[in-house]
């Protein structure tokens, strides 16, 4: 082993590192690096193609829906009080439903908080290494649901008592669900309190 010492300026060291990184990138330019990748079995689902008629009809429907993104919606959500943002939002245009589908003559989405949480928890675990908002049990985070009442043309933001400490969430819900402020009310019910489940 040699006892020679080399002296480099910071500029020279930065140049050496930069060159090494550039060369490494060139070598792996077209390679995607994936950690903890498990082999996925090939799907046995046959992949076909749209017929011209099917594609034309689908394109017509999509064209008619352009610009309708700000139509009022019903659905579910969770609220992250630390980041002051909604997450796990599921929305459906209110006009997707022709008649009431919930108790009391109300309309809402068919998705349930518990089921959406399980699905997102699995997705987060396998695709994000467990990093994300879906941690613990679904009922332990502030959550709520948006209903529509055809009887009086009113939207209802249903929340738990957590809203008392996070009133800023209401504006986010109005915006996310494109709700008309003059036709929307906020109502509390213990079902959406933190910790409450179907069994409580």
C-alpha atoms as a PDB file:
ATOM      1  CA  UNK A   1       0.000   0.000   0.000  1.00  0.00           C
ATOM      2  CA  UNK A   2       1.245   3.433  -0.879  1.00  0.00           C
ATOM      3  CA  UNK A   3       1.532   6.171   1.713  1.00  0.00           C
ATOM      4  CA  UNK A   4       1.171   8.880  -0.917  1.00  0.00           C
ATOM      5  CA  UNK A   5      -1.245  11.645  -0.117  1.00  0.00           C
ATOM      6  CA  UNK A   6      -3.207  13.583  -2.674  1.00  0.00           C
ATOM      7  CA  UNK A   7      -4.426  17.094  -2.261  1.00  0.00           C
ATOM      8  CA  UNK A   8      -7.559  18.134  -4.085  1.00  0.00           C
ATOM      9  CA  UNK A   9      -9.357  21.416  -4.126  1.00  0.00           C
ATOM     10  CA  UNK A  10     -13.083  21.385  -3.495  1.00  0.00           C
ATOM     11  CA  UNK A  11     -13.576  22.340  -7.140  1.00  0.00           C
ATOM     12  CA  UNK A  12     -11.520  19.346  -8.327  1.00  0.00           C
ATOM     13  CA  UNK A  13     -13.395  16.985  -6.004  1.00  0.00           C
ATOM     14  CA  UNK A  14     -16.760  18.272  -7.278  1.00  0.00           C
ATOM     15  CA  UNK A  15     -15.602  17.740 -10.864  1.00  0.00           C
ATOM     16  CA  UNK A  16     -14.519  14.146 -10.160  1.00  0.00           C
ATOM     17  CA  UNK A  17     -17.834  13.347  -8.461  1.00  0.00           C
ATOM     18  CA  UNK A  18     -19.808  15.019 -11.237  1.00  0.00           C
ATOM     19  CA  UNK A  19     -17.950  13.020 -13.899  1.00  0.00           C
ATOM     20  CA  UNK A  20     -18.511   9.769 -11.992  1.00  0.00           C
ATOM     21  CA  UNK A  21     -22.241  10.462 -11.647  1.00  0.00           C
ATOM     22  CA  UNK A  22     -22.544  11.414 -15.327  1.00  0.00           C
ATOM     23  CA  UNK A  23     -20.792   8.203 -16.416  1.00  0.00           C
ATOM     24  CA  UNK A  24     -22.969   6.101 -14.112  1.00  0.00           C
ATOM     25  CA  UNK A  25     -26.130   7.701 -15.486  1.00  0.00           C
ATOM     26  CA  UNK A  26     -25.002   7.017 -19.060  1.00  0.00           C
ATOM     27  CA  UNK A  27     -24.512   3.350 -18.213  1.00  0.00           C
ATOM     28  CA  UNK A  28     -27.961   2.941 -16.688  1.00  0.00           C
ATOM     29  CA  UNK A  29     -29.831   5.451 -18.836  1.00  0.00           C
ATOM     30  CA  UNK A  30     -32.505   3.018 -19.958  1.00  0.00           C
ATOM     31  CA  UNK A  31     -32.689   0.937 -16.797  1.00  0.00           C
ATOM     32  CA  UNK A  32     -35.351   1.461 -14.156  1.00  0.00           C
ATOM     33  CA  UNK A  33     -34.086   0.786 -10.648  1.00  0.00           C
ATOM     34  CA  UNK A  34     -36.755  -0.802  -8.450  1.00  0.00           C
ATOM     35  CA  UNK A  35     -36.207  -1.834  -4.844  1.00  0.00           C
ATOM     36  CA  UNK A  36     -37.885  -4.886  -3.313  1.00  0.00           C
ATOM     37  CA  UNK A  37     -39.568  -5.832  -6.563  1.00  0.00           C
ATOM     38  CA  UNK A  38     -41.334  -9.155  -6.416  1.00  0.00           C
ATOM     39  CA  UNK A  39     -42.067 -11.029  -9.579  1.00  0.00           C
ATOM     40  CA  UNK A  40     -45.628 -10.537 -10.714  1.00  0.00           C
ATOM     41  CA  UNK A  41     -47.227 -13.509 -12.393  1.00  0.00           C
ATOM     42  CA  UNK A  42     -48.379 -12.916 -15.949  1.00  0.00           C
ATOM     43  CA  UNK A  43     -52.067 -12.113 -16.175  1.00  0.00           C
ATOM     44  CA  UNK A  44     -54.305 -14.631 -17.873  1.00  0.00           C
ATOM     45  CA  UNK A  45     -56.672 -11.857 -18.963  1.00  0.00           C
ATOM     46  CA  UNK A  46     -56.981 -11.604 -22.720  1.00  0.00           C
ATOM     47  CA  UNK A  47     -56.370  -8.116 -24.104  1.00  0.00           C
ATOM     48  CA  UNK A  48     -58.568  -7.188 -27.030  1.00  0.00           C
ATOM     49  CA  UNK A  49     -59.320  -4.055 -29.010  1.00  0.00           C
ATOM     50  CA  UNK A  50     -62.290  -1.721 -29.288  1.00  0.00           C
ATOM     51  CA  UNK A  51     -64.333  -2.077 -32.408  1.00  0.00           C
ATOM     52  CA  UNK A  52     -64.638   1.142 -34.433  1.00  0.00           C
ATOM     53  CA  UNK A  53     -68.273   1.480 -33.328  1.00  0.00           C
ATOM     54  CA  UNK A  54     -67.397   1.019 -29.646  1.00  0.00           C
ATOM     55  CA  UNK A  55     -64.592   3.565 -29.859  1.00  0.00           C
ATOM     56  CA  UNK A  56     -66.764   6.099 -31.706  1.00  0.00           C
ATOM     57  CA  UNK A  57     -69.501   5.764 -29.083  1.00  0.00           C
ATOM     58  CA  UNK A  58     -67.015   6.050 -26.195  1.00  0.00           C
ATOM     59  CA  UNK A  59     -65.455   9.158 -27.751  1.00  0.00           C
ATOM     60  CA  UNK A  60     -68.914  10.722 -28.216  1.00  0.00           C
ATOM     61  CA  UNK A  61     -69.780  10.157 -24.551  1.00  0.00           C
ATOM     62  CA  UNK A  62     -66.425  11.564 -23.400  1.00  0.00           C
ATOM     63  CA  UNK A  63     -66.889  14.610 -25.650  1.00  0.00           C
ATOM     64  CA  UNK A  64     -70.315  15.288 -24.095  1.00  0.00           C
ATOM     65  CA  UNK A  65     -68.773  15.072 -20.614  1.00  0.00           C
ATOM     66  CA  UNK A  66     -66.033  17.608 -21.336  1.00  0.00           C
ATOM     67  CA  UNK A  67     -66.373  20.638 -19.086  1.00  0.00           C
ATOM     68  CA  UNK A  68     -68.706  18.849 -16.663  1.00  0.00           C
ATOM     69  CA  UNK A  69     -65.947  18.326 -14.093  1.00  0.00           C
ATOM     70  CA  UNK A  70     -67.229  21.057 -11.807  1.00  0.00           C
ATOM     71  CA  UNK A  71     -70.700  19.552 -11.401  1.00  0.00           C
ATOM     72  CA  UNK A  72     -71.616  19.021  -7.704  1.00  0.00           C
ATOM     73  CA  UNK A  73     -70.612  15.639  -6.348  1.00  0.00           C
ATOM     74  CA  UNK A  74     -71.417  13.207  -3.556  1.00  0.00           C
ATOM     75  CA  UNK A  75     -68.955  10.870  -1.884  1.00  0.00           C
ATOM     76  CA  UNK A  76     -66.586  10.270   1.003  1.00  0.00           C
ATOM     77  CA  UNK A  77     -63.356  11.748   2.330  1.00  0.00           C
ATOM     78  CA  UNK A  78     -60.854  11.803   5.176  1.00  0.00           C
ATOM     79  CA  UNK A  79     -59.172  14.905   6.564  1.00  0.00           C
ATOM     80  CA  UNK A  80     -55.527  15.263   7.597  1.00  0.00           C
ATOM     81  CA  UNK A  81     -55.634  17.944  10.306  1.00  0.00           C
ATOM     82  CA  UNK A  82     -51.845  18.286  10.404  1.00  0.00           C
ATOM     83  CA  UNK A  83     -51.418  18.927   6.681  1.00  0.00           C
ATOM     84  CA  UNK A  84     -54.858  20.567   6.439  1.00  0.00           C
ATOM     85  CA  UNK A  85     -55.851  18.562   3.382  1.00  0.00           C
ATOM     86  CA  UNK A  86     -58.384  15.984   2.304  1.00  0.00           C
ATOM     87  CA  UNK A  87     -57.288  12.497   1.288  1.00  0.00           C
ATOM     88  CA  UNK A  88     -58.872   9.223   0.230  1.00  0.00           C
ATOM     89  CA  UNK A  89     -61.532  11.231  -1.575  1.00  0.00           C
ATOM     90  CA  UNK A  90     -64.132   9.332  -3.612  1.00  0.00           C
ATOM     91  CA  UNK A  91     -66.512  11.481  -5.666  1.00  0.00           C
ATOM     92  CA  UNK A  92     -69.361  10.794  -8.059  1.00  0.00           C
ATOM     93  CA  UNK A  93     -71.370  13.400  -9.938  1.00  0.00           C
ATOM     94  CA  UNK A  94     -74.729  13.755  -8.256  1.00  0.00           C
ATOM     95  CA  UNK A  95     -76.424  13.261 -11.633  1.00  0.00           C
ATOM     96  CA  UNK A  96     -74.881   9.775 -11.881  1.00  0.00           C
ATOM     97  CA  UNK A  97     -77.698   8.673  -9.554  1.00  0.00           C
ATOM     98  CA  UNK A  98     -81.281   8.729 -10.778  1.00  0.00           C
ATOM     99  CA  UNK A  99     -82.925   7.991  -7.432  1.00  0.00           C
ATOM    100  CA  UNK A 100     -82.086   7.909  -3.706  1.00  0.00           C
ATOM    101  CA  UNK A 101     -79.750   5.111  -2.672  1.00  0.00           C
ATOM    102  CA  UNK A 102     -79.331   5.899   1.013  1.00  0.00           C
ATOM    103  CA  UNK A 103     -81.652   6.136   3.994  1.00  0.00           C
ATOM    104  CA  UNK A 104     -83.861   9.177   4.404  1.00  0.00           C
ATOM    105  CA  UNK A 105     -84.307   9.587   0.648  1.00  0.00           C
ATOM    106  CA  UNK A 106     -80.696  10.745   0.219  1.00  0.00           C
ATOM    107  CA  UNK A 107     -78.153  10.145  -2.533  1.00  0.00           C
ATOM    108  CA  UNK A 108     -74.484   9.365  -1.918  1.00  0.00           C
ATOM    109  CA  UNK A 109     -71.778   7.156  -3.376  1.00  0.00           C
ATOM    110  CA  UNK A 110     -71.941   3.419  -2.714  1.00  0.00           C
ATOM    111  CA  UNK A 111     -68.321   3.199  -1.532  1.00  0.00           C
ATOM    112  CA  UNK A 112     -67.788   2.671   2.186  1.00  0.00           C
ATOM    113  CA  UNK A 113     -64.958   4.206   4.201  1.00  0.00           C
ATOM    114  CA  UNK A 114     -63.874   0.823   5.547  1.00  0.00           C
ATOM    115  CA  UNK A 115     -63.588  -0.773   2.090  1.00  0.00           C
ATOM    116  CA  UNK A 116     -61.789   2.181   0.496  1.00  0.00           C
ATOM    117  CA  UNK A 117     -59.341   2.289   3.424  1.00  0.00           C
ATOM    118  CA  UNK A 118     -58.467  -1.419   3.049  1.00  0.00           C
ATOM    119  CA  UNK A 119     -57.848  -1.020  -0.670  1.00  0.00           C
ATOM    120  CA  UNK A 120     -55.739   2.127  -0.292  1.00  0.00           C
ATOM    121  CA  UNK A 121     -53.842   0.629   2.658  1.00  0.00           C
ATOM    122  CA  UNK A 122     -52.817  -2.361   0.489  1.00  0.00           C
ATOM    123  CA  UNK A 123     -51.900  -0.113  -2.453  1.00  0.00           C
ATOM    124  CA  UNK A 124     -49.815   2.115  -0.192  1.00  0.00           C
ATOM    125  CA  UNK A 125     -48.064  -0.905   1.339  1.00  0.00           C
ATOM    126  CA  UNK A 126     -47.077  -2.472  -1.971  1.00  0.00           C
ATOM    127  CA  UNK A 127     -46.416   0.611  -4.067  1.00  0.00           C
ATOM    128  CA  UNK A 128     -45.167   3.213  -1.587  1.00  0.00           C
ATOM    129  CA  UNK A 129     -43.356   1.052   0.936  1.00  0.00           C
ATOM    130  CA  UNK A 130     -46.066   1.800   3.490  1.00  0.00           C
ATOM    131  CA  UNK A 131     -45.527   5.549   3.285  1.00  0.00           C
ATOM    132  CA  UNK A 132     -48.709   7.573   3.127  1.00  0.00           C
ATOM    133  CA  UNK A 133     -51.796   8.612   5.066  1.00  0.00           C
ATOM    134  CA  UNK A 134     -53.455   5.193   5.289  1.00  0.00           C
ATOM    135  CA  UNK A 135     -52.067   4.034   8.644  1.00  0.00           C
ATOM    136  CA  UNK A 136     -53.945   2.317  11.442  1.00  0.00           C
ATOM    137  CA  UNK A 137     -57.707   1.909  11.331  1.00  0.00           C
ATOM    138  CA  UNK A 138     -60.008   3.845   9.004  1.00  0.00           C
ATOM    139  CA  UNK A 139     -62.144   5.216  11.830  1.00  0.00           C
ATOM    140  CA  UNK A 140     -59.198   6.763  13.667  1.00  0.00           C
ATOM    141  CA  UNK A 141     -58.853   9.677  11.215  1.00  0.00           C
ATOM    142  CA  UNK A 142     -61.364  12.499  10.701  1.00  0.00           C
ATOM    143  CA  UNK A 143     -63.777  11.479   7.960  1.00  0.00           C
ATOM    144  CA  UNK A 144     -67.107  12.362   6.446  1.00  0.00           C
ATOM    145  CA  UNK A 145     -69.580  11.884   3.631  1.00  0.00           C
ATOM    146  CA  UNK A 146     -71.428  14.160   1.221  1.00  0.00           C
ATOM    147  CA  UNK A 147     -75.113  13.473   0.566  1.00  0.00           C
ATOM    148  CA  UNK A 148     -77.681  15.057  -1.705  1.00  0.00           C
ATOM    149  CA  UNK A 149     -81.349  15.413  -0.805  1.00  0.00           C
ATOM    150  CA  UNK A 150     -83.561  15.415  -3.935  1.00  0.00           C
ATOM    151  CA  UNK A 151     -86.540  16.423  -1.798  1.00  0.00           C
ATOM    152  CA  UNK A 152     -85.166  19.903  -1.147  1.00  0.00           C
ATOM    153  CA  UNK A 153     -82.246  20.151  -3.601  1.00  0.00           C
ATOM    154  CA  UNK A 154     -79.771  20.411  -0.735  1.00  0.00           C
ATOM    155  CA  UNK A 155     -76.306  18.932  -0.214  1.00  0.00           C
ATOM    156  CA  UNK A 156     -75.303  17.704   3.239  1.00  0.00           C
ATOM    157  CA  UNK A 157     -71.700  17.495   4.457  1.00  0.00           C
ATOM    158  CA  UNK A 158     -71.861  14.853   7.194  1.00  0.00           C
ATOM    159  CA  UNK A 159     -68.975  14.985   9.675  1.00  0.00           C
ATOM    160  CA  UNK A 160     -68.112  14.048  13.219  1.00  0.00           C
ATOM    161  CA  UNK A 161     -67.391  16.363  16.146  1.00  0.00           C
ATOM    162  CA  UNK A 162     -63.788  16.572  14.902  1.00  0.00           C
ATOM    163  CA  UNK A 163     -65.001  19.429  12.682  1.00  0.00           C
ATOM    164  CA  UNK A 164     -65.160  21.678  15.778  1.00  0.00           C
ATOM    165  CA  UNK A 165     -61.343  21.657  15.897  1.00  0.00           C
ATOM    166  CA  UNK A 166     -60.887  21.757  12.102  1.00  0.00           C
ATOM    167  CA  UNK A 167     -63.459  24.177  10.664  1.00  0.00           C
ATOM    168  CA  UNK A 168     -61.074  25.007   7.800  1.00  0.00           C
ATOM    169  CA  UNK A 169     -61.875  21.577   6.352  1.00  0.00           C
ATOM    170  CA  UNK A 170     -65.316  22.795   5.300  1.00  0.00           C
ATOM    171  CA  UNK A 171     -63.931  25.079   2.584  1.00  0.00           C
ATOM    172  CA  UNK A 172     -61.798  22.213   1.251  1.00  0.00           C
ATOM    173  CA  UNK A 173     -64.876  19.965   1.087  1.00  0.00           C
ATOM    174  CA  UNK A 174     -66.897  22.637  -0.747  1.00  0.00           C
ATOM    175  CA  UNK A 175     -64.098  22.946  -3.287  1.00  0.00           C
ATOM    176  CA  UNK A 176     -63.335  19.235  -3.707  1.00  0.00           C
ATOM    177  CA  UNK A 177     -66.994  18.293  -4.213  1.00  0.00           C
ATOM    178  CA  UNK A 178     -67.894  21.451  -6.216  1.00  0.00           C
ATOM    179  CA  UNK A 179     -70.741  22.147  -3.806  1.00  0.00           C
ATOM    180  CA  UNK A 180     -72.978  25.219  -4.139  1.00  0.00           C
ATOM    181  CA  UNK A 181     -72.577  27.136  -0.865  1.00  0.00           C
ATOM    182  CA  UNK A 182     -76.145  28.419  -0.899  1.00  0.00           C
ATOM    183  CA  UNK A 183     -77.530  24.875  -1.170  1.00  0.00           C
ATOM    184  CA  UNK A 184     -75.197  23.045   1.231  1.00  0.00           C
ATOM    185  CA  UNK A 185     -75.383  22.475   4.971  1.00  0.00           C
ATOM    186  CA  UNK A 186     -72.943  20.874   7.422  1.00  0.00           C
ATOM    187  CA  UNK A 187     -74.326  18.388   9.934  1.00  0.00           C
ATOM    188  CA  UNK A 188     -72.589  16.462  12.711  1.00  0.00           C
ATOM    189  CA  UNK A 189     -73.404  12.877  13.655  1.00  0.00           C
ATOM    190  CA  UNK A 190     -71.533  10.571  16.010  1.00  0.00           C
ATOM    191  CA  UNK A 191     -71.156   7.917  13.280  1.00  0.00           C
ATOM    192  CA  UNK A 192     -68.355  10.061  11.798  1.00  0.00           C
ATOM    193  CA  UNK A 193     -66.673  10.802  15.144  1.00  0.00           C
ATOM    194  CA  UNK A 194     -63.104   9.611  15.456  1.00  0.00           C
ATOM    195  CA  UNK A 195     -63.092   6.028  16.715  1.00  0.00           C
ATOM    196  CA  UNK A 196     -66.719   5.277  15.773  1.00  0.00           C
ATOM    197  CA  UNK A 197     -67.457   2.232  13.636  1.00  0.00           C
ATOM    198  CA  UNK A 198     -70.576   0.365  12.516  1.00  0.00           C
ATOM    199  CA  UNK A 199     -70.372  -1.675  15.722  1.00  0.00           C
ATOM    200  CA  UNK A 200     -70.459   1.339  18.064  1.00  0.00           C
END
